[in-house]
Amino acid sequence: MSTKQKADLKVIIMGDYNVGKTSLICRYIENKFKPQEPTVGAAFFLKQWGPYNVAVWDTAGDEKYAGLSQFYCRSAGAAILAFDINEPKSFESLWARFTPMLGSANDDCLRVVVATKMDLIADEKREISVEEGRRLAREMNEHLDLSKAKGDPYFETSSKSGQGVEEVFEYIFQHCLPLSAEQRKKQDKARRDTIDLLEDSGEHSPGKKCGC
């Protein structure tokens, strides 16, 4: 896929430093867990969803890059707001720091709240409940009709195990770029074939930039 192609959807992922944003993207695109170095500025990924081209922008969580992150929010049709389930302050930052940056995103920008690193926490030790996560997601999307996708735009994930990762992107794409039954069937087949190819060859597909 050429980087010069116009994207049908721009997705931006935001959240505090070291919450696992890049690992989340790489788990989805390559179906593998790869611990990543912190993103400097922003990183760009490409994804094909049926007939659509999707651009995914991974932004740095460090406060010194706040100006750049706000710049990359321009024209975003969806935003993943990620927090580390083990760090309550990263949850608080979503509303305090990152939501204001989405002022330059599209008016109908979908905002998906995502808890990361679920493999590192026991239920009895969690400080952010499922209901708190869902409530924040609903509040952030009061401007939208969410009937195109099922459930609240809140997910709990682990990039290490793969828990919930695919569901995050499926939710976004079904809301923003819904496929017909025939397109969906082709998409599912293409995804299965891609995963089989990667597993057999040990190589990455062209255009995927995880690990860069």
N, C-alpha and C. Protein backbone atom coordinates (compact mmCIF):
# COMPACT_ATOMS: atom_id res chain seq x y z
N MET A 1 0.84 -1.19 0.00
CA MET A 1 0.00 0.00 0.00
C MET A 1 0.88 1.24 0.00
N SER A 2 0.62 2.16 -0.86
CA SER A 2 1.43 3.36 -0.95
C SER A 2 1.03 4.37 0.12
N THR A 3 2.01 5.03 0.73
CA THR A 3 1.72 6.04 1.73
C THR A 3 1.08 7.27 1.09
N LYS A 4 1.07 7.35 -0.25
CA LYS A 4 0.49 8.49 -0.95
C LYS A 4 -1.02 8.34 -1.15
N GLN A 5 -1.54 7.13 -0.89
CA GLN A 5 -2.97 6.92 -1.05
C GLN A 5 -3.73 7.71 0.02
N LYS A 6 -4.85 8.27 -0.37
CA LYS A 6 -5.66 9.02 0.58
C LYS A 6 -6.38 8.04 1.51
N ALA A 7 -6.30 8.31 2.81
CA ALA A 7 -6.94 7.43 3.79
C ALA A 7 -8.43 7.73 3.87
N ASP A 8 -9.23 6.67 4.00
CA ASP A 8 -10.66 6.83 4.18
C ASP A 8 -11.00 7.12 5.64
N LEU A 9 -10.09 6.79 6.54
CA LEU A 9 -10.28 7.03 7.96
C LEU A 9 -8.93 7.26 8.62
N LYS A 10 -8.89 8.26 9.47
CA LYS A 10 -7.69 8.52 10.27
C LYS A 10 -8.00 8.19 11.72
N VAL A 11 -7.21 7.29 12.28
CA VAL A 11 -7.35 6.88 13.68
C VAL A 11 -6.11 7.35 14.43
N ILE A 12 -6.30 7.96 15.58
CA ILE A 12 -5.18 8.41 16.39
C ILE A 12 -5.25 7.71 17.74
N ILE A 13 -4.10 7.26 18.24
CA ILE A 13 -4.05 6.63 19.55
C ILE A 13 -3.28 7.53 20.49
N MET A 14 -3.89 7.80 21.66
CA MET A 14 -3.34 8.76 22.61
C MET A 14 -3.33 8.14 24.00
N GLY A 15 -2.50 8.70 24.87
CA GLY A 15 -2.43 8.23 26.25
C GLY A 15 -1.07 8.55 26.83
N ASP A 16 -0.96 8.42 28.14
CA ASP A 16 0.28 8.75 28.84
C ASP A 16 1.47 7.93 28.34
N TYR A 17 2.63 8.43 28.68
CA TYR A 17 3.90 7.76 28.39
C TYR A 17 3.89 6.33 28.93
N ASN A 18 4.27 5.38 28.10
CA ASN A 18 4.50 4.00 28.50
C ASN A 18 3.23 3.24 28.92
N VAL A 19 2.07 3.61 28.34
CA VAL A 19 0.87 2.82 28.63
C VAL A 19 0.72 1.64 27.68
N GLY A 20 1.57 1.57 26.65
CA GLY A 20 1.54 0.43 25.74
C GLY A 20 0.79 0.68 24.45
N LYS A 21 0.79 1.92 23.98
CA LYS A 21 0.05 2.26 22.76
C LYS A 21 0.61 1.57 21.52
N THR A 22 1.94 1.63 21.36
CA THR A 22 2.56 1.04 20.17
C THR A 22 2.42 -0.48 20.18
N SER A 23 2.57 -1.09 21.35
CA SER A 23 2.42 -2.54 21.46
C SER A 23 1.01 -2.97 21.09
N LEU A 24 0.02 -2.15 21.44
CA LEU A 24 -1.37 -2.44 21.10
C LEU A 24 -1.56 -2.47 19.59
N ILE A 25 -1.01 -1.46 18.91
CA ILE A 25 -1.14 -1.40 17.45
C ILE A 25 -0.42 -2.58 16.80
N CYS A 26 0.79 -2.87 17.27
CA CYS A 26 1.56 -3.96 16.67
C CYS A 26 0.91 -5.32 16.89
N ARG A 27 0.29 -5.50 18.05
CA ARG A 27 -0.42 -6.76 18.30
C ARG A 27 -1.56 -6.91 17.29
N TYR A 28 -2.25 -5.82 16.98
CA TYR A 28 -3.35 -5.91 16.02
C TYR A 28 -2.85 -6.14 14.61
N ILE A 29 -1.86 -5.38 14.19
CA ILE A 29 -1.41 -5.44 12.80
C ILE A 29 -0.64 -6.73 12.51
N GLU A 30 0.23 -7.14 13.43
CA GLU A 30 1.08 -8.30 13.17
C GLU A 30 0.67 -9.55 13.95
N ASN A 31 -0.30 -9.40 14.85
CA ASN A 31 -0.75 -10.50 15.69
C ASN A 31 0.40 -11.08 16.52
N LYS A 32 1.30 -10.21 16.93
CA LYS A 32 2.44 -10.63 17.76
C LYS A 32 2.68 -9.59 18.84
N PHE A 33 3.24 -10.07 19.96
CA PHE A 33 3.58 -9.14 21.03
C PHE A 33 5.05 -8.76 20.91
N LYS A 34 5.26 -7.44 20.83
CA LYS A 34 6.62 -6.91 20.73
C LYS A 34 6.76 -5.73 21.67
N PRO A 35 7.51 -5.88 22.76
CA PRO A 35 7.76 -4.70 23.61
C PRO A 35 8.40 -3.61 22.76
N GLN A 36 7.91 -2.39 22.89
CA GLN A 36 8.34 -1.30 22.02
C GLN A 36 9.04 -0.20 22.80
N GLU A 37 9.96 0.47 22.13
CA GLU A 37 10.56 1.68 22.69
C GLU A 37 9.51 2.80 22.65
N PRO A 38 9.57 3.75 23.60
CA PRO A 38 8.61 4.86 23.58
C PRO A 38 8.64 5.61 22.26
N THR A 39 7.47 5.99 21.79
CA THR A 39 7.35 6.73 20.53
C THR A 39 7.86 8.16 20.71
N VAL A 40 8.62 8.62 19.74
CA VAL A 40 9.11 9.99 19.74
C VAL A 40 8.32 10.77 18.69
N GLY A 41 7.55 11.75 19.13
CA GLY A 41 6.74 12.51 18.18
C GLY A 41 5.50 11.74 17.79
N ALA A 42 5.56 11.01 16.69
CA ALA A 42 4.43 10.20 16.23
C ALA A 42 4.94 9.14 15.26
N ALA A 43 4.21 8.05 15.14
CA ALA A 43 4.53 6.99 14.18
C ALA A 43 3.28 6.69 13.37
N PHE A 44 3.48 6.25 12.14
CA PHE A 44 2.39 6.09 11.18
C PHE A 44 2.29 4.64 10.74
N PHE A 45 1.07 4.11 10.77
CA PHE A 45 0.80 2.74 10.35
C PHE A 45 -0.34 2.74 9.34
N LEU A 46 -0.36 1.74 8.49
CA LEU A 46 -1.40 1.61 7.47
C LEU A 46 -2.15 0.30 7.64
N LYS A 47 -3.44 0.34 7.39
CA LYS A 47 -4.27 -0.86 7.51
C LYS A 47 -5.33 -0.87 6.42
N GLN A 48 -5.56 -2.03 5.84
CA GLN A 48 -6.63 -2.20 4.86
C GLN A 48 -7.83 -2.80 5.56
N TRP A 49 -8.99 -2.19 5.40
CA TRP A 49 -10.24 -2.70 5.96
C TRP A 49 -11.25 -2.80 4.82
N GLY A 50 -11.42 -4.02 4.30
CA GLY A 50 -12.27 -4.18 3.13
C GLY A 50 -11.75 -3.31 2.01
N PRO A 51 -12.58 -2.46 1.41
CA PRO A 51 -12.13 -1.59 0.32
C PRO A 51 -11.51 -0.28 0.82
N TYR A 52 -11.40 -0.12 2.13
CA TYR A 52 -10.97 1.15 2.70
C TYR A 52 -9.50 1.15 3.13
N ASN A 53 -8.91 2.34 3.06
CA ASN A 53 -7.56 2.55 3.58
C ASN A 53 -7.66 3.29 4.92
N VAL A 54 -7.02 2.73 5.94
CA VAL A 54 -7.07 3.32 7.27
C VAL A 54 -5.66 3.74 7.69
N ALA A 55 -5.52 4.99 8.10
CA ALA A 55 -4.25 5.50 8.62
C ALA A 55 -4.34 5.54 10.14
N VAL A 56 -3.37 4.91 10.81
CA VAL A 56 -3.33 4.89 12.27
C VAL A 56 -2.10 5.66 12.73
N TRP A 57 -2.34 6.70 13.53
CA TRP A 57 -1.25 7.53 14.03
C TRP A 57 -1.04 7.24 15.52
N ASP A 58 0.17 6.84 15.85
CA ASP A 58 0.57 6.55 17.22
C ASP A 58 1.31 7.77 17.76
N THR A 59 0.79 8.41 18.80
CA THR A 59 1.40 9.64 19.31
C THR A 59 2.16 9.39 20.60
N ALA A 60 3.14 10.24 20.86
CA ALA A 60 3.95 10.14 22.08
C ALA A 60 3.15 10.63 23.28
N GLY A 61 3.34 9.97 24.43
CA GLY A 61 2.60 10.36 25.61
C GLY A 61 3.29 11.40 26.47
N ASP A 62 4.58 11.63 26.22
CA ASP A 62 5.33 12.60 27.00
C ASP A 62 4.74 14.00 26.80
N GLU A 63 4.60 14.75 27.88
CA GLU A 63 3.98 16.07 27.81
C GLU A 63 4.72 17.03 26.89
N LYS A 64 6.02 16.84 26.71
CA LYS A 64 6.76 17.75 25.86
C LYS A 64 6.35 17.64 24.39
N TYR A 65 5.65 16.55 24.03
CA TYR A 65 5.17 16.38 22.66
C TYR A 65 3.69 16.74 22.51
N ALA A 66 3.12 17.42 23.52
CA ALA A 66 1.68 17.71 23.49
C ALA A 66 1.28 18.51 22.26
N GLY A 67 2.11 19.48 21.87
CA GLY A 67 1.79 20.29 20.69
C GLY A 67 1.73 19.46 19.43
N LEU A 68 2.67 18.53 19.28
CA LEU A 68 2.67 17.65 18.12
C LEU A 68 1.45 16.73 18.12
N SER A 69 1.13 16.18 19.30
CA SER A 69 -0.01 15.27 19.39
C SER A 69 -1.29 15.98 18.98
N GLN A 70 -1.45 17.22 19.40
CA GLN A 70 -2.64 17.98 19.03
C GLN A 70 -2.68 18.21 17.52
N PHE A 71 -1.51 18.46 16.94
CA PHE A 71 -1.43 18.65 15.48
C PHE A 71 -1.89 17.39 14.75
N TYR A 72 -1.47 16.22 15.23
CA TYR A 72 -1.82 14.97 14.55
C TYR A 72 -3.28 14.59 14.75
N CYS A 73 -3.98 15.27 15.65
CA CYS A 73 -5.41 15.00 15.84
C CYS A 73 -6.27 15.57 14.72
N ARG A 74 -5.72 16.46 13.93
CA ARG A 74 -6.50 17.11 12.89
C ARG A 74 -7.14 16.10 11.94
N SER A 75 -8.43 16.25 11.75
CA SER A 75 -9.21 15.42 10.82
C SER A 75 -9.31 13.95 11.24
N ALA A 76 -9.03 13.65 12.49
CA ALA A 76 -9.17 12.26 12.97
C ALA A 76 -10.65 11.89 13.04
N GLY A 77 -10.97 10.71 12.54
CA GLY A 77 -12.34 10.22 12.59
C GLY A 77 -12.59 9.32 13.78
N ALA A 78 -11.49 8.86 14.41
CA ALA A 78 -11.61 8.01 15.60
C ALA A 78 -10.35 8.19 16.44
N ALA A 79 -10.52 8.07 17.75
CA ALA A 79 -9.39 8.19 18.66
C ALA A 79 -9.45 7.05 19.67
N ILE A 80 -8.30 6.41 19.87
CA ILE A 80 -8.15 5.42 20.93
C ILE A 80 -7.48 6.12 22.10
N LEU A 81 -8.16 6.19 23.24
CA LEU A 81 -7.61 6.83 24.43
C LEU A 81 -7.22 5.72 25.40
N ALA A 82 -5.91 5.45 25.46
CA ALA A 82 -5.40 4.29 26.18
C ALA A 82 -4.88 4.67 27.56
N PHE A 83 -5.14 3.80 28.54
CA PHE A 83 -4.58 3.99 29.87
C PHE A 83 -4.12 2.65 30.42
N ASP A 84 -3.13 2.69 31.30
CA ASP A 84 -2.58 1.50 31.94
C ASP A 84 -3.46 1.17 33.14
N ILE A 85 -4.09 0.00 33.15
CA ILE A 85 -4.99 -0.39 34.22
C ILE A 85 -4.29 -0.40 35.58
N ASN A 86 -2.96 -0.48 35.55
CA ASN A 86 -2.18 -0.50 36.79
C ASN A 86 -1.82 0.90 37.29
N GLU A 87 -2.12 1.93 36.48
CA GLU A 87 -1.73 3.31 36.81
C GLU A 87 -2.97 4.21 36.75
N PRO A 88 -3.66 4.40 37.87
CA PRO A 88 -4.88 5.23 37.87
C PRO A 88 -4.67 6.64 37.31
N LYS A 89 -3.48 7.20 37.50
CA LYS A 89 -3.23 8.55 37.00
C LYS A 89 -3.32 8.60 35.47
N SER A 90 -2.98 7.50 34.81
CA SER A 90 -3.07 7.48 33.35
C SER A 90 -4.52 7.49 32.90
N PHE A 91 -5.43 6.99 33.74
CA PHE A 91 -6.86 7.05 33.45
C PHE A 91 -7.36 8.49 33.60
N GLU A 92 -6.94 9.14 34.67
CA GLU A 92 -7.34 10.52 34.92
C GLU A 92 -6.84 11.45 33.81
N SER A 93 -5.69 11.12 33.24
CA SER A 93 -5.10 11.97 32.19
C SER A 93 -5.94 11.99 30.92
N LEU A 94 -6.72 10.95 30.69
CA LEU A 94 -7.48 10.89 29.45
C LEU A 94 -8.40 12.10 29.33
N TRP A 95 -9.10 12.43 30.42
CA TRP A 95 -10.00 13.56 30.38
C TRP A 95 -9.24 14.87 30.54
N ALA A 96 -8.28 14.88 31.45
CA ALA A 96 -7.59 16.13 31.77
C ALA A 96 -6.65 16.60 30.67
N ARG A 97 -5.88 15.68 30.08
CA ARG A 97 -4.85 16.07 29.11
C ARG A 97 -5.22 15.82 27.67
N PHE A 98 -5.79 14.66 27.40
CA PHE A 98 -5.91 14.23 26.01
C PHE A 98 -7.23 14.59 25.32
N THR A 99 -8.32 14.59 26.05
CA THR A 99 -9.58 14.97 25.43
C THR A 99 -9.54 16.38 24.84
N PRO A 100 -8.96 17.37 25.53
CA PRO A 100 -8.90 18.72 24.93
C PRO A 100 -8.15 18.76 23.60
N MET A 101 -7.19 17.85 23.41
CA MET A 101 -6.42 17.83 22.17
C MET A 101 -7.30 17.45 20.97
N LEU A 102 -8.41 16.78 21.24
CA LEU A 102 -9.26 16.30 20.15
C LEU A 102 -10.17 17.40 19.60
N GLY A 103 -9.96 18.63 20.06
CA GLY A 103 -10.73 19.74 19.52
C GLY A 103 -10.53 19.95 18.04
N SER A 104 -9.38 19.50 17.51
CA SER A 104 -9.10 19.66 16.08
C SER A 104 -9.48 18.41 15.28
N ALA A 105 -10.01 17.38 15.96
CA ALA A 105 -10.48 16.18 15.26
C ALA A 105 -11.83 16.47 14.61
N ASN A 106 -12.33 15.54 13.81
CA ASN A 106 -13.65 15.71 13.21
C ASN A 106 -14.72 15.86 14.29
N ASP A 107 -15.78 16.59 13.97
CA ASP A 107 -16.86 16.79 14.93
C ASP A 107 -17.49 15.47 15.37
N ASP A 108 -17.50 14.49 14.45
CA ASP A 108 -18.11 13.20 14.77
C ASP A 108 -17.06 12.14 15.13
N CYS A 109 -15.93 12.59 15.64
CA CYS A 109 -14.84 11.67 16.01
C CYS A 109 -15.30 10.70 17.10
N LEU A 110 -15.14 9.41 16.84
CA LEU A 110 -15.44 8.37 17.81
C LEU A 110 -14.29 8.28 18.81
N ARG A 111 -14.60 8.21 20.10
CA ARG A 111 -13.57 8.15 21.13
C ARG A 111 -13.71 6.83 21.90
N VAL A 112 -12.70 5.98 21.76
CA VAL A 112 -12.74 4.66 22.36
C VAL A 112 -11.74 4.61 23.52
N VAL A 113 -12.24 4.29 24.71
CA VAL A 113 -11.40 4.21 25.90
C VAL A 113 -10.90 2.77 26.03
N VAL A 114 -9.58 2.61 26.18
CA VAL A 114 -8.98 1.28 26.19
C VAL A 114 -8.04 1.12 27.38
N ALA A 115 -8.33 0.13 28.21
CA ALA A 115 -7.44 -0.25 29.31
C ALA A 115 -6.40 -1.23 28.77
N THR A 116 -5.14 -1.00 29.08
CA THR A 116 -4.06 -1.89 28.62
C THR A 116 -3.44 -2.65 29.80
N LYS A 117 -2.62 -3.65 29.46
CA LYS A 117 -1.83 -4.43 30.42
C LYS A 117 -2.70 -5.20 31.42
N MET A 118 -3.82 -5.72 30.94
CA MET A 118 -4.71 -6.49 31.80
C MET A 118 -4.06 -7.78 32.30
N ASP A 119 -3.02 -8.23 31.62
CA ASP A 119 -2.34 -9.45 32.06
C ASP A 119 -1.52 -9.23 33.33
N LEU A 120 -1.34 -7.98 33.74
CA LEU A 120 -0.49 -7.66 34.88
C LEU A 120 -1.28 -7.33 36.15
N ILE A 121 -2.59 -7.54 36.13
CA ILE A 121 -3.40 -7.13 37.28
C ILE A 121 -4.35 -8.24 37.70
N ALA A 122 -4.59 -8.32 39.00
CA ALA A 122 -5.59 -9.23 39.54
C ALA A 122 -6.85 -8.43 39.84
N ASP A 123 -8.01 -9.03 39.62
CA ASP A 123 -9.28 -8.32 39.79
C ASP A 123 -9.41 -7.64 41.14
N GLU A 124 -8.92 -8.30 42.18
CA GLU A 124 -9.10 -7.74 43.52
C GLU A 124 -8.21 -6.52 43.77
N LYS A 125 -7.24 -6.27 42.88
CA LYS A 125 -6.32 -5.16 43.07
C LYS A 125 -6.61 -3.97 42.15
N ARG A 126 -7.54 -4.10 41.26
CA ARG A 126 -7.79 -3.04 40.30
C ARG A 126 -8.44 -1.83 40.97
N GLU A 127 -8.02 -0.66 40.54
CA GLU A 127 -8.55 0.58 41.10
C GLU A 127 -9.56 1.24 40.15
N ILE A 128 -9.49 0.92 38.87
CA ILE A 128 -10.44 1.45 37.89
C ILE A 128 -11.40 0.32 37.52
N SER A 129 -12.66 0.47 37.86
CA SER A 129 -13.64 -0.58 37.59
C SER A 129 -14.09 -0.54 36.13
N VAL A 130 -14.71 -1.63 35.71
CA VAL A 130 -15.28 -1.69 34.36
C VAL A 130 -16.31 -0.60 34.17
N GLU A 131 -17.15 -0.39 35.18
CA GLU A 131 -18.21 0.62 35.07
C GLU A 131 -17.63 2.02 34.95
N GLU A 132 -16.52 2.30 35.66
CA GLU A 132 -15.88 3.62 35.52
C GLU A 132 -15.38 3.83 34.10
N GLY A 133 -14.78 2.80 33.53
CA GLY A 133 -14.30 2.89 32.16
C GLY A 133 -15.44 3.11 31.18
N ARG A 134 -16.51 2.36 31.35
CA ARG A 134 -17.66 2.49 30.46
C ARG A 134 -18.31 3.86 30.60
N ARG A 135 -18.39 4.35 31.82
CA ARG A 135 -19.01 5.65 32.05
C ARG A 135 -18.23 6.77 31.36
N LEU A 136 -16.89 6.70 31.48
CA LEU A 136 -16.06 7.71 30.81
C LEU A 136 -16.25 7.64 29.30
N ALA A 137 -16.30 6.43 28.75
CA ALA A 137 -16.47 6.26 27.31
C ALA A 137 -17.80 6.83 26.85
N ARG A 138 -18.86 6.59 27.63
CA ARG A 138 -20.17 7.13 27.25
C ARG A 138 -20.17 8.65 27.30
N GLU A 139 -19.54 9.21 28.33
CA GLU A 139 -19.49 10.67 28.46
C GLU A 139 -18.73 11.30 27.30
N MET A 140 -17.67 10.65 26.87
CA MET A 140 -16.86 11.19 25.78
C MET A 140 -17.57 11.13 24.43
N ASN A 141 -18.60 10.28 24.34
CA ASN A 141 -19.28 10.08 23.05
C ASN A 141 -20.74 10.48 23.08
N GLU A 142 -21.08 11.41 23.96
CA GLU A 142 -22.46 11.87 24.05
C GLU A 142 -22.94 12.52 22.75
N HIS A 143 -21.99 12.94 21.93
CA HIS A 143 -22.33 13.62 20.67
C HIS A 143 -22.62 12.64 19.54
N LEU A 144 -22.51 11.34 19.79
CA LEU A 144 -22.62 10.35 18.72
C LEU A 144 -23.78 9.39 18.93
N ASP A 145 -24.25 8.84 17.82
CA ASP A 145 -25.17 7.71 17.84
C ASP A 145 -24.31 6.45 17.73
N LEU A 146 -24.24 5.68 18.80
CA LEU A 146 -23.36 4.51 18.83
C LEU A 146 -24.07 3.22 18.43
N SER A 147 -25.23 3.33 17.82
CA SER A 147 -26.00 2.13 17.47
C SER A 147 -25.38 1.32 16.34
N LYS A 148 -24.43 1.92 15.59
CA LYS A 148 -23.80 1.19 14.49
C LYS A 148 -22.90 0.07 14.99
N ALA A 149 -22.41 0.20 16.21
CA ALA A 149 -21.54 -0.82 16.80
C ALA A 149 -22.17 -1.28 18.11
N LYS A 150 -21.86 -2.49 18.54
CA LYS A 150 -22.49 -3.06 19.73
C LYS A 150 -21.73 -2.67 21.00
N GLY A 151 -22.48 -2.23 22.00
CA GLY A 151 -21.88 -1.97 23.29
C GLY A 151 -21.22 -0.61 23.41
N ASP A 152 -20.69 -0.34 24.60
CA ASP A 152 -20.00 0.91 24.86
C ASP A 152 -18.61 0.89 24.24
N PRO A 153 -18.08 2.05 23.87
CA PRO A 153 -16.73 2.12 23.30
C PRO A 153 -15.66 2.05 24.40
N TYR A 154 -15.68 0.95 25.14
CA TYR A 154 -14.70 0.71 26.20
C TYR A 154 -14.23 -0.74 26.12
N PHE A 155 -12.91 -0.93 26.18
CA PHE A 155 -12.34 -2.27 26.05
C PHE A 155 -11.19 -2.45 27.03
N GLU A 156 -11.02 -3.68 27.49
CA GLU A 156 -9.90 -4.02 28.35
C GLU A 156 -9.02 -5.00 27.58
N THR A 157 -7.74 -4.67 27.49
CA THR A 157 -6.85 -5.39 26.57
C THR A 157 -5.54 -5.82 27.20
N SER A 158 -4.91 -6.75 26.54
CA SER A 158 -3.53 -7.15 26.84
C SER A 158 -2.82 -7.38 25.52
N SER A 159 -1.81 -6.57 25.24
CA SER A 159 -1.05 -6.77 24.01
C SER A 159 -0.24 -8.06 24.08
N LYS A 160 0.07 -8.49 25.28
CA LYS A 160 0.86 -9.72 25.44
C LYS A 160 0.04 -10.96 25.08
N SER A 161 -1.19 -11.04 25.57
CA SER A 161 -2.03 -12.20 25.30
C SER A 161 -2.93 -12.01 24.07
N GLY A 162 -3.14 -10.76 23.69
CA GLY A 162 -4.05 -10.46 22.59
C GLY A 162 -5.47 -10.16 23.03
N GLN A 163 -5.74 -10.27 24.31
CA GLN A 163 -7.09 -10.04 24.85
C GLN A 163 -7.64 -8.70 24.42
N GLY A 164 -8.79 -8.72 23.76
CA GLY A 164 -9.54 -7.52 23.46
C GLY A 164 -8.99 -6.62 22.37
N VAL A 165 -7.79 -6.90 21.86
CA VAL A 165 -7.15 -5.98 20.92
C VAL A 165 -7.90 -5.89 19.60
N GLU A 166 -8.21 -7.02 19.02
CA GLU A 166 -8.91 -7.01 17.74
C GLU A 166 -10.29 -6.36 17.88
N GLU A 167 -10.93 -6.59 19.03
CA GLU A 167 -12.25 -6.03 19.25
C GLU A 167 -12.25 -4.49 19.22
N VAL A 168 -11.16 -3.89 19.71
CA VAL A 168 -11.04 -2.43 19.70
C VAL A 168 -11.17 -1.90 18.27
N PHE A 169 -10.36 -2.46 17.38
CA PHE A 169 -10.33 -1.97 16.00
C PHE A 169 -11.58 -2.37 15.23
N GLU A 170 -12.11 -3.56 15.52
CA GLU A 170 -13.35 -3.97 14.87
C GLU A 170 -14.48 -2.99 15.21
N TYR A 171 -14.53 -2.58 16.47
CA TYR A 171 -15.56 -1.65 16.90
C TYR A 171 -15.43 -0.33 16.14
N ILE A 172 -14.21 0.18 16.07
CA ILE A 172 -13.96 1.45 15.38
C ILE A 172 -14.36 1.36 13.91
N PHE A 173 -13.90 0.31 13.25
CA PHE A 173 -14.15 0.19 11.82
C PHE A 173 -15.64 -0.04 11.53
N GLN A 174 -16.30 -0.83 12.36
CA GLN A 174 -17.72 -1.07 12.13
C GLN A 174 -18.54 0.19 12.32
N HIS A 175 -18.09 1.06 13.24
CA HIS A 175 -18.79 2.32 13.44
C HIS A 175 -18.51 3.31 12.31
N CYS A 176 -17.24 3.43 11.95
CA CYS A 176 -16.83 4.48 11.00
C CYS A 176 -16.88 4.03 9.55
N LEU A 177 -16.62 2.73 9.30
CA LEU A 177 -16.55 2.21 7.93
C LEU A 177 -17.28 0.88 7.85
N PRO A 178 -18.57 0.84 8.11
CA PRO A 178 -19.30 -0.43 8.12
C PRO A 178 -19.23 -1.13 6.77
N LEU A 179 -19.06 -2.46 6.84
CA LEU A 179 -18.97 -3.27 5.62
C LEU A 179 -20.29 -3.97 5.35
N SER A 180 -20.55 -4.23 4.07
CA SER A 180 -21.69 -5.04 3.71
C SER A 180 -21.37 -6.49 4.07
N ALA A 181 -22.36 -7.37 4.03
CA ALA A 181 -22.15 -8.77 4.36
C ALA A 181 -21.09 -9.39 3.45
N GLU A 182 -21.15 -9.06 2.15
CA GLU A 182 -20.18 -9.61 1.20
C GLU A 182 -18.78 -9.07 1.47
N GLN A 183 -18.67 -7.76 1.73
CA GLN A 183 -17.37 -7.17 2.04
C GLN A 183 -16.80 -7.76 3.32
N ARG A 184 -17.65 -8.01 4.29
CA ARG A 184 -17.22 -8.57 5.56
C ARG A 184 -16.64 -9.98 5.36
N LYS A 185 -17.30 -10.76 4.53
CA LYS A 185 -16.83 -12.11 4.26
C LYS A 185 -15.44 -12.09 3.62
N LYS A 186 -15.24 -11.19 2.66
CA LYS A 186 -13.94 -11.06 2.01
C LYS A 186 -12.88 -10.59 2.99
N GLN A 187 -13.25 -9.66 3.88
CA GLN A 187 -12.32 -9.14 4.86
C GLN A 187 -11.86 -10.23 5.82
N ASP A 188 -12.79 -11.04 6.29
CA ASP A 188 -12.44 -12.12 7.22
C ASP A 188 -11.51 -13.12 6.56
N LYS A 189 -11.77 -13.44 5.28
CA LYS A 189 -10.90 -14.38 4.57
C LYS A 189 -9.51 -13.79 4.38
N ALA A 190 -9.44 -12.51 4.02
CA ALA A 190 -8.14 -11.86 3.80
C ALA A 190 -7.34 -11.83 5.09
N ARG A 191 -7.99 -11.60 6.21
CA ARG A 191 -7.29 -11.56 7.49
C ARG A 191 -6.75 -12.92 7.86
N ARG A 192 -7.55 -13.98 7.65
CA ARG A 192 -7.08 -15.33 7.94
C ARG A 192 -5.89 -15.69 7.08
N ASP A 193 -5.97 -15.35 5.80
CA ASP A 193 -4.87 -15.66 4.88
C ASP A 193 -3.60 -14.90 5.26
N THR A 194 -3.75 -13.65 5.69
CA THR A 194 -2.59 -12.84 6.07
C THR A 194 -1.91 -13.42 7.30
N ILE A 195 -2.70 -13.82 8.30
CA ILE A 195 -2.13 -14.39 9.52
C ILE A 195 -1.41 -15.69 9.20
N ASP A 196 -2.00 -16.54 8.35
CA ASP A 196 -1.35 -17.80 7.98
C ASP A 196 -0.03 -17.54 7.28
N LEU A 197 0.00 -16.56 6.39
CA LEU A 197 1.22 -16.24 5.65
C LEU A 197 2.32 -15.79 6.59
N LEU A 198 1.98 -14.91 7.54
CA LEU A 198 2.97 -14.41 8.48
C LEU A 198 3.51 -15.54 9.36
N GLU A 199 2.62 -16.43 9.79
CA GLU A 199 3.06 -17.52 10.66
C GLU A 199 3.96 -18.50 9.91
N ASP A 200 3.65 -18.73 8.63
CA ASP A 200 4.44 -19.68 7.85
C ASP A 200 5.81 -19.13 7.49
N SER A 201 5.88 -17.84 7.16
CA SER A 201 7.12 -17.28 6.63
C SER A 201 7.97 -16.60 7.68
N GLY A 202 7.32 -16.16 8.78
CA GLY A 202 8.06 -15.41 9.79
C GLY A 202 8.40 -14.00 9.34
N GLU A 203 7.80 -13.54 8.25
CA GLU A 203 8.07 -12.21 7.72
C GLU A 203 6.87 -11.31 7.91
N HIS A 204 7.09 -10.00 7.81
CA HIS A 204 6.02 -9.03 7.95
C HIS A 204 5.52 -8.65 6.56
N SER A 205 4.24 -8.31 6.50
CA SER A 205 3.66 -7.87 5.23
C SER A 205 4.17 -6.50 4.85
N PRO A 206 4.24 -6.19 3.55
CA PRO A 206 4.72 -4.89 3.11
C PRO A 206 3.86 -3.76 3.68
N GLY A 207 4.50 -2.67 4.05
CA GLY A 207 3.78 -1.50 4.50
C GLY A 207 3.53 -1.46 5.99
N LYS A 208 3.79 -2.54 6.72
CA LYS A 208 3.57 -2.56 8.15
C LYS A 208 4.85 -2.13 8.85
N LYS A 209 4.71 -1.21 9.78
CA LYS A 209 5.89 -0.55 10.31
C LYS A 209 6.14 -0.81 11.80
N CYS A 210 5.53 -1.83 12.36
CA CYS A 210 5.79 -2.14 13.76
C CYS A 210 7.25 -2.54 13.92
N GLY A 211 7.82 -2.12 15.00
CA GLY A 211 9.21 -2.48 15.27
C GLY A 211 10.21 -1.53 14.68
N CYS A 212 9.75 -0.50 13.95
CA CYS A 212 10.67 0.46 13.36
C CYS A 212 11.21 1.39 14.44
